[in-house]
Amino acid sequence: MKKLIVAVAALALMAGSAYAAEWNFYGNARVQTTWYNCDVIDGASGDTLYSEGLLSTARIGAKVKVSDELSGRFEYGASGGKANVRHLYGTWDFGGGSLTIGQTDTALNITYSNQIALSNFSTENGLGGFGDCDTGRAPQLMLTFGGFKISVLATSTDNNYSVDTEAVIPKIVLSYTFGFDMGEVTLGGGYNTFDAADEDITSYVVGAGTNLNFGPAGLFATAVYGQNTGNIVGPTYTGIGAIAGTTVTGEINDVETMGFTFGLLFTVNDMFALEAGYGYVVDEYDEGGAKDKAESYYIQAPITLAPGVVVVPEVGIVDMKETTQNEWTYFGAKWQINF
């Protein structure tokens, strides 16, 4: 009897807690269908092939409000066809600002493109790796004060040394967003450092971006510059790859990265819109000056078939630029239902 009373009391407590918090569930299913051709630059031509699959950006989750001060969110995606955590965090609003603990978008998130297809045709990455400035989602401690954000993250020790590494201080990224009637302008940067084989490998990045609206028309633009930026904003798609490597003499060979994106948008009506975008990135070794470039460009036409039902046809090219590297030409569509 005592066990029954304890069980009932526990259920009542759980029900009371669940009732106190506001849970708003959401989700969407996303599938891509794509025809693509992969040519080796100055080499062999490939056959046109068909790809279809669940996009890793398909998701299900909930936003939770406990009180005016406490809120949270969880969200699962479908990377590789398996559930993975996209967001899992809580936020405390302490009046003058807020503290976020958990995994979510970091403070450095300067990206506006809606490009669907990259070379793997499994994720919507915008023009990620082609000139934006985005640290992505990661476990973190983040402070927000109005338009200013700063995230403390795990140190990235990726390198081309294949040796033991040692990290002492965390990765730090930050940004400030100035919003106004026509859109926003964001400035940001990041710093990361660690030791590899008793050599210090330092990464830094600065970035800027804007998203502007002129009635039915709009534009976006971003720019990024830095050293060994793959340890902060992720790898680029060039052959060099934006992380430090060894030279012939065994010394550090840092990689300098520069890139930009640009895009135009136009909303025809409630059903039909257009977006075109372009991204360019170049990586260069500091010793010997070896360079590698890559670019991506696309046109898409989002079509709203009904509230919550969207299909997005897209055609584009992902060009690695250099001899023996690949050039992808594709045509496809994203199919999405929100629920």
C-alpha atoms as a PDB file:
ATOM      1  CA  MET A   1       0.000   0.000   0.000  1.00  0.00           C
ATOM      2  CA  LYS A   2       2.853   2.379   0.844  1.00  0.00           C
ATOM      3  CA  LYS A   3       4.442   1.706  -2.555  1.00  0.00           C
ATOM      4  CA  LEU A   4       1.128   2.525  -4.262  1.00  0.00           C
ATOM      5  CA  ILE A   5       0.837   5.818  -2.348  1.00  0.00           C
ATOM      6  CA  VAL A   6       4.421   6.776  -3.290  1.00  0.00           C
ATOM      7  CA  ALA A   7       3.777   5.916  -6.949  1.00  0.00           C
ATOM      8  CA  VAL A   8       0.585   8.003  -7.041  1.00  0.00           C
ATOM      9  CA  ALA A   9       2.377  10.925  -5.382  1.00  0.00           C
ATOM     10  CA  ALA A  10       5.226  10.723  -7.933  1.00  0.00           C
ATOM     11  CA  LEU A  11       2.759  10.694 -10.834  1.00  0.00           C
ATOM     12  CA  ALA A  12       0.923  13.661  -9.353  1.00  0.00           C
ATOM     13  CA  LEU A  13       4.204  15.569  -9.011  1.00  0.00           C
ATOM     14  CA  MET A  14       5.169  14.799 -12.599  1.00  0.00           C
ATOM     15  CA  ALA A  15       1.735  15.816 -13.855  1.00  0.00           C
ATOM     16  CA  GLY A  16       1.934  19.068 -11.900  1.00  0.00           C
ATOM     17  CA  SER A  17       5.383  19.862 -13.344  1.00  0.00           C
ATOM     18  CA  ALA A  18       4.268  19.054 -16.875  1.00  0.00           C
ATOM     19  CA  TYR A  19       1.198  21.246 -16.451  1.00  0.00           C
ATOM     20  CA  ALA A  20       3.261  24.176 -15.166  1.00  0.00           C
ATOM     21  CA  ALA A  21       5.493  24.231 -18.246  1.00  0.00           C
ATOM     22  CA  GLU A  22       4.186  25.138 -21.721  1.00  0.00           C
ATOM     23  CA  TRP A  23       5.244  22.553 -24.305  1.00  0.00           C
ATOM     24  CA  ASN A  24       4.941  23.526 -27.971  1.00  0.00           C
ATOM     25  CA  PHE A  25       5.802  20.581 -30.203  1.00  0.00           C
ATOM     26  CA  TYR A  26       6.718  20.916 -33.873  1.00  0.00           C
ATOM     27  CA  GLY A  27       8.260  18.919 -36.686  1.00  0.00           C
ATOM     28  CA  ASN A  28       8.762  18.608 -40.406  1.00  0.00           C
ATOM     29  CA  ALA A  29       9.562  15.882 -42.890  1.00  0.00           C
ATOM     30  CA  ARG A  30      12.069  16.719 -45.662  1.00  0.00           C
ATOM     31  CA  VAL A  31      13.039  14.542 -48.629  1.00  0.00           C
ATOM     32  CA  GLN A  32      15.331  15.425 -51.541  1.00  0.00           C
ATOM     33  CA  THR A  33      15.080  14.097 -55.103  1.00  0.00           C
ATOM     34  CA  THR A  34      18.121  14.976 -57.237  1.00  0.00           C
ATOM     35  CA  TRP A  35      19.651  14.210 -60.614  1.00  0.00           C
ATOM     36  CA  TYR A  36      23.379  14.945 -60.612  1.00  0.00           C
ATOM     37  CA  ASN A  37      26.473  14.634 -62.779  1.00  0.00           C
ATOM     38  CA  CYS A  38      30.042  14.593 -61.446  1.00  0.00           C
ATOM     39  CA  ASP A  39      32.857  15.467 -63.866  1.00  0.00           C
ATOM     40  CA  VAL A  40      36.558  15.328 -63.039  1.00  0.00           C
ATOM     41  CA  ILE A  41      37.927  18.736 -64.036  1.00  0.00           C
ATOM     42  CA  ASP A  42      40.178  18.317 -67.101  1.00  0.00           C
ATOM     43  CA  GLY A  43      39.447  14.604 -66.867  1.00  0.00           C
ATOM     44  CA  ALA A  44      36.694  12.037 -67.184  1.00  0.00           C
ATOM     45  CA  SER A  45      32.996  12.857 -67.391  1.00  0.00           C
ATOM     46  CA  GLY A  46      30.533  11.057 -65.186  1.00  0.00           C
ATOM     47  CA  ASP A  47      27.088   9.643 -65.831  1.00  0.00           C
ATOM     48  CA  THR A  48      23.919  11.399 -64.706  1.00  0.00           C
ATOM     49  CA  LEU A  49      22.597   9.623 -61.609  1.00  0.00           C
ATOM     50  CA  TYR A  50      19.502   9.890 -59.399  1.00  0.00           C
ATOM     51  CA  SER A  51      19.497  10.364 -55.641  1.00  0.00           C
ATOM     52  CA  GLU A  52      16.593  10.345 -53.183  1.00  0.00           C
ATOM     53  CA  GLY A  53      16.623  10.372 -49.409  1.00  0.00           C
ATOM     54  CA  LEU A  54      15.616  11.872 -46.105  1.00  0.00           C
ATOM     55  CA  LEU A  55      17.400  15.156 -45.512  1.00  0.00           C
ATOM     56  CA  SER A  56      19.353  15.335 -42.277  1.00  0.00           C
ATOM     57  CA  THR A  57      17.540  18.611 -41.562  1.00  0.00           C
ATOM     58  CA  ALA A  58      14.200  16.803 -41.125  1.00  0.00           C
ATOM     59  CA  ARG A  59      13.351  17.322 -37.465  1.00  0.00           C
ATOM     60  CA  ILE A  60      11.013  16.970 -34.531  1.00  0.00           C
ATOM     61  CA  GLY A  61      11.186  18.883 -31.273  1.00  0.00           C
ATOM     62  CA  ALA A  62       9.543  21.146 -28.740  1.00  0.00           C
ATOM     63  CA  LYS A  63      10.022  24.586 -27.243  1.00  0.00           C
ATOM     64  CA  VAL A  64       9.362  24.722 -23.520  1.00  0.00           C
ATOM     65  CA  LYS A  65       8.477  27.720 -21.354  1.00  0.00           C
ATOM     66  CA  VAL A  66       8.765  27.080 -17.628  1.00  0.00           C
ATOM     67  CA  SER A  67       8.477  30.722 -16.530  1.00  0.00           C
ATOM     68  CA  ASP A  68       9.331  34.213 -17.722  1.00  0.00           C
ATOM     69  CA  GLU A  69      12.914  33.495 -16.660  1.00  0.00           C
ATOM     70  CA  LEU A  70      13.388  29.845 -17.666  1.00  0.00           C
ATOM     71  CA  SER A  71      12.864  28.221 -21.059  1.00  0.00           C
ATOM     72  CA  GLY A  72      14.314  25.356 -23.077  1.00  0.00           C
ATOM     73  CA  ARG A  73      14.203  23.396 -26.275  1.00  0.00           C
ATOM     74  CA  PHE A  74      14.976  19.988 -27.678  1.00  0.00           C
ATOM     75  CA  GLU A  75      15.150  18.976 -31.326  1.00  0.00           C
ATOM     76  CA  TYR A  76      16.146  15.751 -33.055  1.00  0.00           C
ATOM     77  CA  GLY A  77      17.267  15.556 -36.681  1.00  0.00           C
ATOM     78  CA  ALA A  78      17.761  12.670 -39.095  1.00  0.00           C
ATOM     79  CA  SER A  79      21.462  12.629 -39.981  1.00  0.00           C
ATOM     80  CA  GLY A  80      22.302   9.435 -41.842  1.00  0.00           C
ATOM     81  CA  GLY A  81      18.691   8.340 -41.449  1.00  0.00           C
ATOM     82  CA  LYS A  82      19.162   8.079 -37.666  1.00  0.00           C
ATOM     83  CA  ALA A  83      17.971  10.349 -34.868  1.00  0.00           C
ATOM     84  CA  ASN A  84      20.586  12.831 -33.678  1.00  0.00           C
ATOM     85  CA  VAL A  85      20.465  15.760 -31.266  1.00  0.00           C
ATOM     86  CA  ARG A  86      20.307  19.120 -33.036  1.00  0.00           C
ATOM     87  CA  HIS A  87      19.220  21.245 -30.077  1.00  0.00           C
ATOM     88  CA  LEU A  88      19.094  20.451 -26.368  1.00  0.00           C
ATOM     89  CA  TYR A  89      19.457  23.477 -24.129  1.00  0.00           C
ATOM     90  CA  GLY A  90      18.019  25.620 -21.378  1.00  0.00           C
ATOM     91  CA  THR A  91      18.041  29.413 -21.107  1.00  0.00           C
ATOM     92  CA  TRP A  92      17.918  31.575 -18.002  1.00  0.00           C
ATOM     93  CA  ASP A  93      16.856  35.192 -18.524  1.00  0.00           C
ATOM     94  CA  PHE A  94      18.410  37.109 -15.640  1.00  0.00           C
ATOM     95  CA  GLY A  95      17.086  40.516 -16.648  1.00  0.00           C
ATOM     96  CA  GLY A  96      20.050  42.287 -18.196  1.00  0.00           C
ATOM     97  CA  GLY A  97      20.815  39.308 -20.432  1.00  0.00           C
ATOM     98  CA  SER A  98      20.516  35.541 -20.666  1.00  0.00           C
ATOM     99  CA  LEU A  99      22.621  32.418 -20.088  1.00  0.00           C
ATOM    100  CA  THR A 100      22.185  29.409 -22.394  1.00  0.00           C
ATOM    101  CA  ILE A 101      23.553  25.997 -21.402  1.00  0.00           C
ATOM    102  CA  GLY A 102      23.495  23.055 -23.815  1.00  0.00           C
ATOM    103  CA  GLN A 103      23.703  22.423 -27.561  1.00  0.00           C
ATOM    104  CA  THR A 104      22.328  24.941 -30.042  1.00  0.00           C
ATOM    105  CA  ASP A 105      23.512  27.453 -32.668  1.00  0.00           C
ATOM    106  CA  THR A 106      26.630  29.241 -31.472  1.00  0.00           C
ATOM    107  CA  ALA A 107      27.170  32.977 -31.197  1.00  0.00           C
ATOM    108  CA  LEU A 108      28.982  32.996 -34.554  1.00  0.00           C
ATOM    109  CA  ASN A 109      26.262  32.222 -37.084  1.00  0.00           C
ATOM    110  CA  ILE A 110      26.585  34.557 -40.084  1.00  0.00           C
ATOM    111  CA  THR A 111      24.870  32.661 -42.880  1.00  0.00           C
ATOM    112  CA  TYR A 112      21.771  33.436 -44.947  1.00  0.00           C
ATOM    113  CA  SER A 113      21.742  31.158 -47.994  1.00  0.00           C
ATOM    114  CA  ASN A 114      19.013  28.530 -48.400  1.00  0.00           C
ATOM    115  CA  GLN A 115      20.885  26.357 -50.914  1.00  0.00           C
ATOM    116  CA  ILE A 116      19.741  22.758 -50.585  1.00  0.00           C
ATOM    117  CA  ALA A 117      22.219  20.553 -52.391  1.00  0.00           C
ATOM    118  CA  LEU A 118      25.909  20.068 -51.833  1.00  0.00           C
ATOM    119  CA  SER A 119      28.037  17.217 -53.096  1.00  0.00           C
ATOM    120  CA  ASN A 120      26.493  14.659 -50.714  1.00  0.00           C
ATOM    121  CA  PHE A 121      22.864  15.712 -51.388  1.00  0.00           C
ATOM    122  CA  SER A 122      21.827  14.769 -47.857  1.00  0.00           C
ATOM    123  CA  THR A 123      21.752  18.061 -45.982  1.00  0.00           C
ATOM    124  CA  GLU A 124      20.718  21.682 -46.354  1.00  0.00           C
ATOM    125  CA  ASN A 125      23.930  23.525 -45.609  1.00  0.00           C
ATOM    126  CA  GLY A 126      23.270  26.797 -47.400  1.00  0.00           C
ATOM    127  CA  LEU A 127      26.588  27.985 -48.823  1.00  0.00           C
ATOM    128  CA  GLY A 128      28.371  26.541 -45.786  1.00  0.00           C
ATOM    129  CA  GLY A 129      32.093  26.213 -46.532  1.00  0.00           C
ATOM    130  CA  PHE A 130      31.852  28.573 -49.510  1.00  0.00           C
ATOM    131  CA  GLY A 131      32.318  31.945 -47.824  1.00  0.00           C
ATOM    132  CA  ASP A 132      29.905  32.154 -44.894  1.00  0.00           C
ATOM    133  CA  CYS A 133      30.998  32.412 -41.235  1.00  0.00           C
ATOM    134  CA  ASP A 134      29.151  29.830 -39.156  1.00  0.00           C
ATOM    135  CA  THR A 135      30.359  27.712 -36.231  1.00  0.00           C
ATOM    136  CA  GLY A 136      27.181  25.647 -36.446  1.00  0.00           C
ATOM    137  CA  ARG A 137      25.543  23.907 -33.495  1.00  0.00           C
ATOM    138  CA  ALA A 138      27.676  22.754 -30.561  1.00  0.00           C
ATOM    139  CA  PRO A 139      27.595  22.154 -26.796  1.00  0.00           C
ATOM    140  CA  GLN A 140      28.380  25.494 -25.181  1.00  0.00           C
ATOM    141  CA  LEU A 141      27.933  28.137 -22.559  1.00  0.00           C
ATOM    142  CA  MET A 142      26.507  31.257 -24.237  1.00  0.00           C
ATOM    143  CA  LEU A 143      25.831  34.714 -22.831  1.00  0.00           C
ATOM    144  CA  THR A 144      23.495  37.089 -24.678  1.00  0.00           C
ATOM    145  CA  PHE A 145      23.135  40.819 -24.040  1.00  0.00           C
ATOM    146  CA  GLY A 146      20.774  42.311 -26.603  1.00  0.00           C
ATOM    147  CA  GLY A 147      22.465  41.969 -29.990  1.00  0.00           C
ATOM    148  CA  PHE A 148      25.746  40.744 -28.469  1.00  0.00           C
ATOM    149  CA  LYS A 149      26.485  37.026 -28.039  1.00  0.00           C
ATOM    150  CA  ILE A 150      29.552  35.126 -26.830  1.00  0.00           C
ATOM    151  CA  SER A 151      29.991  31.329 -26.742  1.00  0.00           C
ATOM    152  CA  VAL A 152      32.553  29.232 -24.864  1.00  0.00           C
ATOM    153  CA  LEU A 153      33.163  25.961 -26.752  1.00  0.00           C
ATOM    154  CA  ALA A 154      35.362  22.895 -26.699  1.00  0.00           C
ATOM    155  CA  THR A 155      38.764  23.498 -28.300  1.00  0.00           C
ATOM    156  CA  SER A 156      39.089  22.079 -31.817  1.00  0.00           C
ATOM    157  CA  THR A 157      42.352  20.131 -32.275  1.00  0.00           C
ATOM    158  CA  ASP A 158      41.833  19.038 -35.909  1.00  0.00           C
ATOM    159  CA  ASN A 159      45.092  19.184 -37.879  1.00  0.00           C
ATOM    160  CA  ASN A 160      47.090  17.417 -40.567  1.00  0.00           C
ATOM    161  CA  TYR A 161      49.912  16.380 -38.216  1.00  0.00           C
ATOM    162  CA  SER A 162      48.500  13.065 -36.920  1.00  0.00           C
ATOM    163  CA  VAL A 163      50.236  13.579 -33.590  1.00  0.00           C
ATOM    164  CA  ASP A 164      49.188  14.019 -29.958  1.00  0.00           C
ATOM    165  CA  THR A 165      47.549  17.356 -29.159  1.00  0.00           C
ATOM    166  CA  GLU A 166      47.064  19.404 -26.013  1.00  0.00           C
ATOM    167  CA  ALA A 167      44.389  22.036 -25.381  1.00  0.00           C
ATOM    168  CA  VAL A 168      44.505  24.448 -22.447  1.00  0.00           C
ATOM    169  CA  ILE A 169      41.929  27.164 -23.180  1.00  0.00           C
ATOM    170  CA  PRO A 170      38.490  26.861 -24.817  1.00  0.00           C
ATOM    171  CA  LYS A 171      37.429  28.106 -28.206  1.00  0.00           C
ATOM    172  CA  ILE A 172      35.745  31.525 -28.012  1.00  0.00           C
ATOM    173  CA  VAL A 173      33.351  32.908 -30.648  1.00  0.00           C
ATOM    174  CA  LEU A 174      31.264  36.085 -30.519  1.00  0.00           C
ATOM    175  CA  SER A 175      29.098  38.354 -32.632  1.00  0.00           C
ATOM    176  CA  TYR A 176      27.065  41.532 -32.557  1.00  0.00           C
ATOM    177  CA  THR A 177      23.906  42.014 -34.637  1.00  0.00           C
ATOM    178  CA  PHE A 178      22.511  45.441 -35.377  1.00  0.00           C
ATOM    179  CA  GLY A 179      18.892  45.240 -36.502  1.00  0.00           C
ATOM    180  CA  PHE A 180      16.929  47.958 -38.277  1.00  0.00           C
ATOM    181  CA  ASP A 181      13.753  48.320 -40.354  1.00  0.00           C
ATOM    182  CA  MET A 182      15.274  46.956 -43.588  1.00  0.00           C
ATOM    183  CA  GLY A 183      17.141  44.020 -42.053  1.00  0.00           C
ATOM    184  CA  GLU A 184      20.335  43.466 -40.083  1.00  0.00           C
ATOM    185  CA  VAL A 185      24.113  43.678 -40.127  1.00  0.00           C
ATOM    186  CA  THR A 186      26.240  41.215 -38.119  1.00  0.00           C
ATOM    187  CA  LEU A 187      29.932  41.326 -37.225  1.00  0.00           C
ATOM    188  CA  GLY A 188      31.711  38.447 -35.518  1.00  0.00           C
ATOM    189  CA  GLY A 189      34.894  36.534 -34.876  1.00  0.00           C
ATOM    190  CA  GLY A 190      36.504  33.614 -33.112  1.00  0.00           C
ATOM    191  CA  TYR A 191      39.765  32.310 -31.616  1.00  0.00           C
ATOM    192  CA  ASN A 192      41.096  28.769 -31.069  1.00  0.00           C
ATOM    193  CA  THR A 193      44.563  27.514 -30.062  1.00  0.00           C
ATOM    194  CA  PHE A 194      46.217  24.216 -29.106  1.00  0.00           C
ATOM    195  CA  ASP A 195      49.591  22.452 -29.144  1.00  0.00           C
ATOM    196  CA  ALA A 196      50.550  19.670 -31.564  1.00  0.00           C
ATOM    197  CA  ALA A 197      53.962  18.034 -31.214  1.00  0.00           C
ATOM    198  CA  ASP A 198      55.131  21.014 -29.114  1.00  0.00           C
ATOM    199  CA  GLU A 199      54.059  23.404 -31.871  1.00  0.00           C
ATOM    200  CA  ASP A 200      51.422  26.075 -31.269  1.00  0.00           C
ATOM    201  CA  ILE A 201      48.569  26.047 -33.804  1.00  0.00           C
ATOM    202  CA  THR A 202      46.464  29.196 -33.648  1.00  0.00           C
ATOM    203  CA  SER A 203      43.215  29.843 -35.502  1.00  0.00           C
ATOM    204  CA  TYR A 204      41.303  33.076 -35.837  1.00  0.00           C
ATOM    205  CA  VAL A 205      38.437  34.263 -37.985  1.00  0.00           C
ATOM    206  CA  VAL A 206      36.555  37.497 -38.602  1.00  0.00           C
ATOM    207  CA  GLY A 207      33.317  37.666 -40.509  1.00  0.00           C
ATOM    208  CA  ALA A 208      30.523  40.022 -41.508  1.00  0.00           C
ATOM    209  CA  GLY A 209      27.139  39.691 -43.097  1.00  0.00           C
ATOM    210  CA  THR A 210      23.926  41.477 -43.940  1.00  0.00           C
ATOM    211  CA  ASN A 211      20.396  40.486 -44.841  1.00  0.00           C
ATOM    212  CA  LEU A 212      18.284  43.290 -46.351  1.00  0.00           C
ATOM    213  CA  ASN A 213      14.660  43.527 -47.476  1.00  0.00           C
ATOM    214  CA  PHE A 214      13.224  45.979 -50.005  1.00  0.00           C
ATOM    215  CA  GLY A 215       9.544  45.082 -50.073  1.00  0.00           C
ATOM    216  CA  PRO A 216       9.214  41.901 -52.151  1.00  0.00           C
ATOM    217  CA  ALA A 217      12.936  41.915 -52.998  1.00  0.00           C
ATOM    218  CA  GLY A 218      15.920  41.201 -50.793  1.00  0.00           C
ATOM    219  CA  LEU A 219      19.607  40.437 -50.762  1.00  0.00           C
ATOM    220  CA  PHE A 220      22.191  38.838 -48.510  1.00  0.00           C
ATOM    221  CA  ALA A 221      25.972  38.962 -48.374  1.00  0.00           C
ATOM    222  CA  THR A 222      28.682  37.539 -46.107  1.00  0.00           C
ATOM    223  CA  ALA A 223      32.468  37.690 -45.972  1.00  0.00           C
ATOM    224  CA  VAL A 224      35.026  35.690 -44.002  1.00  0.00           C
ATOM    225  CA  TYR A 225      38.782  35.929 -43.453  1.00  0.00           C
ATOM    226  CA  GLY A 226      41.079  34.028 -41.142  1.00  0.00           C
ATOM    227  CA  GLN A 227      43.853  31.546 -40.419  1.00  0.00           C
ATOM    228  CA  ASN A 228      43.256  27.810 -39.967  1.00  0.00           C
ATOM    229  CA  THR A 229      39.549  28.640 -40.025  1.00  0.00           C
ATOM    230  CA  GLY A 230      38.560  24.967 -40.215  1.00  0.00           C
ATOM    231  CA  ASN A 231      39.104  24.817 -36.437  1.00  0.00           C
ATOM    232  CA  ILE A 232      36.450  27.512 -35.921  1.00  0.00           C
ATOM    233  CA  VAL A 233      33.885  27.673 -38.716  1.00  0.00           C
ATOM    234  CA  GLY A 234      34.323  24.214 -40.206  1.00  0.00           C
ATOM    235  CA  PRO A 235      36.207  23.009 -43.293  1.00  0.00           C
ATOM    236  CA  THR A 236      35.932  24.533 -46.719  1.00  0.00           C
ATOM    237  CA  TYR A 237      35.508  22.362 -49.779  1.00  0.00           C
ATOM    238  CA  THR A 238      38.913  23.061 -51.297  1.00  0.00           C
ATOM    239  CA  GLY A 239      41.676  20.497 -51.490  1.00  0.00           C
ATOM    240  CA  ILE A 240      43.770  22.318 -48.858  1.00  0.00           C
ATOM    241  CA  GLY A 241      40.892  22.234 -46.408  1.00  0.00           C
ATOM    242  CA  ALA A 242      41.563  25.202 -44.072  1.00  0.00           C
ATOM    243  CA  ILE A 243      43.403  23.390 -41.252  1.00  0.00           C
ATOM    244  CA  ALA A 244      47.132  23.519 -40.508  1.00  0.00           C
ATOM    245  CA  GLY A 245      49.457  20.888 -41.939  1.00  0.00           C
ATOM    246  CA  THR A 246      53.138  20.003 -42.082  1.00  0.00           C
ATOM    247  CA  THR A 247      55.680  21.381 -44.520  1.00  0.00           C
ATOM    248  CA  VAL A 248      58.517  19.460 -46.135  1.00  0.00           C
ATOM    249  CA  THR A 249      60.756  20.558 -43.244  1.00  0.00           C
ATOM    250  CA  GLY A 250      58.192  19.510 -40.636  1.00  0.00           C
ATOM    251  CA  GLU A 251      57.293  23.065 -39.602  1.00  0.00           C
ATOM    252  CA  ILE A 252      53.749  24.378 -39.194  1.00  0.00           C
ATOM    253  CA  ASN A 253      52.102  25.395 -42.434  1.00  0.00           C
ATOM    254  CA  ASP A 254      49.148  27.612 -41.566  1.00  0.00           C
ATOM    255  CA  VAL A 255      46.314  28.077 -44.044  1.00  0.00           C
ATOM    256  CA  GLU A 256      44.842  31.483 -44.840  1.00  0.00           C
ATOM    257  CA  THR A 257      41.193  31.532 -45.956  1.00  0.00           C
ATOM    258  CA  MET A 258      39.162  34.229 -47.681  1.00  0.00           C
ATOM    259  CA  GLY A 259      35.625  33.901 -48.979  1.00  0.00           C
ATOM    260  CA  PHE A 260      32.273  35.552 -49.587  1.00  0.00           C
ATOM    261  CA  THR A 261      28.655  34.793 -50.468  1.00  0.00           C
ATOM    262  CA  PHE A 262      26.041  36.890 -52.219  1.00  0.00           C
ATOM    263  CA  GLY A 263      22.404  36.280 -53.014  1.00  0.00           C
ATOM    264  CA  LEU A 264      19.183  37.834 -54.311  1.00  0.00           C
ATOM    265  CA  LEU A 265      15.615  36.986 -53.324  1.00  0.00           C
ATOM    266  CA  PHE A 266      12.237  37.945 -54.743  1.00  0.00           C
ATOM    267  CA  THR A 267       8.781  37.057 -53.442  1.00  0.00           C
ATOM    268  CA  VAL A 268       6.311  36.949 -56.338  1.00  0.00           C
ATOM    269  CA  ASN A 269       3.239  36.145 -54.215  1.00  0.00           C
ATOM    270  CA  ASP A 270       2.178  33.980 -51.257  1.00  0.00           C
ATOM    271  CA  MET A 271       2.771  30.847 -53.354  1.00  0.00           C
ATOM    272  CA  PHE A 272       5.923  31.518 -55.362  1.00  0.00           C
ATOM    273  CA  ALA A 273       9.388  32.974 -54.664  1.00  0.00           C
ATOM    274  CA  LEU A 274      12.867  33.002 -56.210  1.00  0.00           C
ATOM    275  CA  GLU A 275      16.386  32.867 -54.744  1.00  0.00           C
ATOM    276  CA  ALA A 276      19.798  32.878 -56.429  1.00  0.00           C
ATOM    277  CA  GLY A 277      23.110  32.653 -54.614  1.00  0.00           C
ATOM    278  CA  TYR A 278      26.853  32.436 -55.169  1.00  0.00           C
ATOM    279  CA  GLY A 279      29.730  31.521 -52.856  1.00  0.00           C
ATOM    280  CA  TYR A 280      33.502  31.602 -53.377  1.00  0.00           C
ATOM    281  CA  VAL A 281      36.376  30.541 -51.136  1.00  0.00           C
ATOM    282  CA  VAL A 282      40.155  30.352 -51.533  1.00  0.00           C
ATOM    283  CA  ASP A 283      42.661  28.680 -49.191  1.00  0.00           C
ATOM    284  CA  GLU A 284      46.403  29.396 -49.332  1.00  0.00           C
ATOM    285  CA  TYR A 285      49.358  27.836 -47.492  1.00  0.00           C
ATOM    286  CA  ASP A 286      51.618  30.407 -45.856  1.00  0.00           C
ATOM    287  CA  GLU A 287      54.743  28.526 -47.038  1.00  0.00           C
ATOM    288  CA  GLY A 288      55.106  28.098 -50.783  1.00  0.00           C
ATOM    289  CA  GLY A 289      51.887  29.970 -51.508  1.00  0.00           C
ATOM    290  CA  ALA A 290      49.947  26.949 -52.809  1.00  0.00           C
ATOM    291  CA  LYS A 291      46.321  27.977 -53.412  1.00  0.00           C
ATOM    292  CA  ASP A 292      43.065  26.141 -53.910  1.00  0.00           C
ATOM    293  CA  LYS A 293      39.697  27.658 -54.829  1.00  0.00           C
ATOM    294  CA  ALA A 294      36.105  26.475 -54.864  1.00  0.00           C
ATOM    295  CA  GLU A 295      32.740  27.986 -55.704  1.00  0.00           C
ATOM    296  CA  SER A 296      29.064  27.102 -55.607  1.00  0.00           C
ATOM    297  CA  TYR A 297      26.064  28.772 -57.235  1.00  0.00           C
ATOM    298  CA  TYR A 298      22.385  27.957 -57.545  1.00  0.00           C
ATOM    299  CA  ILE A 299      18.870  29.146 -58.418  1.00  0.00           C
ATOM    300  CA  GLN A 300      15.818  27.884 -56.550  1.00  0.00           C
ATOM    301  CA  ALA A 301      12.078  28.580 -56.659  1.00  0.00           C
ATOM    302  CA  PRO A 302      10.245  27.781 -53.389  1.00  0.00           C
ATOM    303  CA  ILE A 303       6.601  26.902 -54.054  1.00  0.00           C
ATOM    304  CA  THR A 304       4.016  26.786 -51.250  1.00  0.00           C
ATOM    305  CA  LEU A 305       1.393  24.253 -52.354  1.00  0.00           C
ATOM    306  CA  ALA A 306      -0.651  24.673 -49.148  1.00  0.00           C
ATOM    307  CA  PRO A 307       0.022  26.000 -45.637  1.00  0.00           C
ATOM    308  CA  GLY A 308       2.903  23.874 -44.348  1.00  0.00           C
ATOM    309  CA  VAL A 309       3.477  22.092 -47.690  1.00  0.00           C
ATOM    310  CA  VAL A 310       6.483  23.307 -49.688  1.00  0.00           C
ATOM    311  CA  VAL A 311       8.461  22.076 -52.690  1.00  0.00           C
ATOM    312  CA  VAL A 312      11.721  23.800 -53.651  1.00  0.00           C
ATOM    313  CA  PRO A 313      13.114  23.071 -57.147  1.00  0.00           C
ATOM    314  CA  GLU A 314      16.799  23.958 -57.430  1.00  0.00           C
ATOM    315  CA  VAL A 315      19.521  23.833 -60.075  1.00  0.00           C
ATOM    316  CA  GLY A 316      23.172  24.515 -59.324  1.00  0.00           C
ATOM    317  CA  ILE A 317      26.879  23.810 -59.705  1.00  0.00           C
ATOM    318  CA  VAL A 318      29.479  22.966 -57.052  1.00  0.00           C
ATOM    319  CA  ASP A 319      32.885  23.570 -58.660  1.00  0.00           C
ATOM    320  CA  MET A 320      36.163  22.538 -57.007  1.00  0.00           C
ATOM    321  CA  LYS A 321      38.009  24.513 -59.736  1.00  0.00           C
ATOM    322  CA  GLU A 322      41.330  22.602 -59.809  1.00  0.00           C
ATOM    323  CA  THR A 323      42.534  19.890 -62.196  1.00  0.00           C
ATOM    324  CA  THR A 324      41.689  16.320 -60.997  1.00  0.00           C
ATOM    325  CA  GLN A 325      39.042  17.720 -58.602  1.00  0.00           C
ATOM    326  CA  ASN A 326      35.303  17.418 -59.183  1.00  0.00           C
ATOM    327  CA  GLU A 327      32.570  19.621 -60.592  1.00  0.00           C
ATOM    328  CA  TRP A 328      29.005  18.693 -59.616  1.00  0.00           C
ATOM    329  CA  THR A 329      26.047  19.802 -61.734  1.00  0.00           C
ATOM    330  CA  TYR A 330      22.638  19.024 -60.287  1.00  0.00           C
ATOM    331  CA  PHE A 331      18.917  19.555 -60.597  1.00  0.00           C
ATOM    332  CA  GLY A 332      16.508  18.504 -57.905  1.00  0.00           C
ATOM    333  CA  ALA A 333      13.966  19.495 -55.323  1.00  0.00           C
ATOM    334  CA  LYS A 334      13.278  19.499 -51.615  1.00  0.00           C
ATOM    335  CA  TRP A 335       9.849  18.226 -50.549  1.00  0.00           C
ATOM    336  CA  GLN A 336       8.698  19.360 -47.110  1.00  0.00           C
ATOM    337  CA  ILE A 337       5.620  19.081 -44.890  1.00  0.00           C
ATOM    338  CA  ASN A 338       5.496  20.906 -41.552  1.00  0.00           C
ATOM    339  CA  PHE A 339       3.425  19.463 -38.733  1.00  0.00           C
END
